[in-house]
Amino acid sequence: MSKDLTPEEIKKMKIARLRWLQKRYHQMDRDEKLNPHERAHLGVRAIEAQMMRDKLENGGL
């Protein structure tokens, strides 16, 4: 019953997942319980997700 996905559909799913991750990291960054180290780590992860999304949107895999 599983449907084979085209490369374009897979790419769209990856981009959507990265957008969701960025949103989640941004929400977590607002948490006041985090110490500066944890907050910085979330910032780095958010930037990595942004870079991966940009790479996918601009033709990379």
C-alpha atoms as a PDB file:
ATOM      1  CA  MET A   1       0.000   0.000   0.000  1.00  0.00           C
ATOM      2  CA  SER A   2       3.043   2.279   0.181  1.00  0.00           C
ATOM      3  CA  LYS A   3       3.314   4.724  -2.669  1.00  0.00           C
ATOM      4  CA  ASP A   4       6.643   5.416  -4.334  1.00  0.00           C
ATOM      5  CA  LEU A   5       7.561   9.055  -3.912  1.00  0.00           C
ATOM      6  CA  THR A   6       9.161  11.086  -6.642  1.00  0.00           C
ATOM      7  CA  PRO A   7      12.404  12.923  -5.864  1.00  0.00           C
ATOM      8  CA  GLU A   8      10.467  16.205  -5.985  1.00  0.00           C
ATOM      9  CA  GLU A   9       7.985  14.965  -3.352  1.00  0.00           C
ATOM     10  CA  ILE A  10      10.829  13.792  -1.133  1.00  0.00           C
ATOM     11  CA  LYS A  11      12.519  17.185  -1.483  1.00  0.00           C
ATOM     12  CA  LYS A  12       9.292  18.987  -0.507  1.00  0.00           C
ATOM     13  CA  MET A  13       8.915  16.739   2.542  1.00  0.00           C
ATOM     14  CA  LYS A  14      12.500  17.463   3.627  1.00  0.00           C
ATOM     15  CA  ILE A  15      11.964  21.217   3.243  1.00  0.00           C
ATOM     16  CA  ALA A  16       8.737  21.047   5.269  1.00  0.00           C
ATOM     17  CA  ARG A  17      10.528  19.089   8.001  1.00  0.00           C
ATOM     18  CA  LEU A  18      13.353  21.634   8.151  1.00  0.00           C
ATOM     19  CA  ARG A  19      10.841  24.482   8.396  1.00  0.00           C
ATOM     20  CA  TRP A  20       9.138  22.675  11.266  1.00  0.00           C
ATOM     21  CA  LEU A  21      12.510  22.170  12.995  1.00  0.00           C
ATOM     22  CA  GLN A  22      13.376  25.857  12.661  1.00  0.00           C
ATOM     23  CA  LYS A  23      10.033  26.826  14.162  1.00  0.00           C
ATOM     24  CA  ARG A  24      10.533  24.361  17.020  1.00  0.00           C
ATOM     25  CA  TYR A  25      14.066  25.611  17.768  1.00  0.00           C
ATOM     26  CA  HIS A  26      12.788  29.185  17.777  1.00  0.00           C
ATOM     27  CA  GLN A  27      10.042  28.271  20.279  1.00  0.00           C
ATOM     28  CA  MET A  28      12.517  26.411  22.483  1.00  0.00           C
ATOM     29  CA  ASP A  29      14.912  29.373  22.391  1.00  0.00           C
ATOM     30  CA  ARG A  30      12.242  31.501  24.056  1.00  0.00           C
ATOM     31  CA  ASP A  31      12.133  29.122  27.028  1.00  0.00           C
ATOM     32  CA  GLU A  32      13.453  31.007  30.048  1.00  0.00           C
ATOM     33  CA  LYS A  33      14.643  27.827  31.793  1.00  0.00           C
ATOM     34  CA  LEU A  34      17.502  27.351  29.348  1.00  0.00           C
ATOM     35  CA  ASN A  35      21.015  28.341  30.292  1.00  0.00           C
ATOM     36  CA  PRO A  36      23.138  30.337  27.815  1.00  0.00           C
ATOM     37  CA  HIS A  37      24.939  27.219  26.570  1.00  0.00           C
ATOM     38  CA  GLU A  38      21.668  25.437  25.736  1.00  0.00           C
ATOM     39  CA  ARG A  39      20.305  28.573  24.097  1.00  0.00           C
ATOM     40  CA  ALA A  40      23.438  28.916  21.941  1.00  0.00           C
ATOM     41  CA  HIS A  41      23.204  25.257  20.928  1.00  0.00           C
ATOM     42  CA  LEU A  42      19.613  25.784  19.760  1.00  0.00           C
ATOM     43  CA  GLY A  43      20.735  28.823  17.774  1.00  0.00           C
ATOM     44  CA  VAL A  44      23.393  26.775  16.005  1.00  0.00           C
ATOM     45  CA  ARG A  45      20.905  23.993  15.225  1.00  0.00           C
ATOM     46  CA  ALA A  46      18.428  26.534  13.842  1.00  0.00           C
ATOM     47  CA  ILE A  47      21.113  28.020  11.580  1.00  0.00           C
ATOM     48  CA  GLU A  48      22.091  24.528  10.373  1.00  0.00           C
ATOM     49  CA  ALA A  49      18.448  23.757   9.554  1.00  0.00           C
ATOM     50  CA  GLN A  50      18.178  27.066   7.654  1.00  0.00           C
ATOM     51  CA  MET A  51      21.321  26.291   5.650  1.00  0.00           C
ATOM     52  CA  MET A  52      20.121  22.784   4.780  1.00  0.00           C
ATOM     53  CA  ARG A  53      16.724  24.137   3.729  1.00  0.00           C
ATOM     54  CA  ASP A  54      18.326  26.822   1.552  1.00  0.00           C
ATOM     55  CA  LYS A  55      20.534  24.188  -0.080  1.00  0.00           C
ATOM     56  CA  LEU A  56      17.502  21.999  -0.874  1.00  0.00           C
ATOM     57  CA  GLU A  57      15.414  24.887  -2.175  1.00  0.00           C
ATOM     58  CA  ASN A  58      18.226  26.019  -4.460  1.00  0.00           C
ATOM     59  CA  GLY A  59      18.735  22.680  -6.170  1.00  0.00           C
ATOM     60  CA  GLY A  60      20.989  20.635  -3.893  1.00  0.00           C
ATOM     61  CA  LEU A  61      20.140  17.217  -2.483  1.00  0.00           C
END
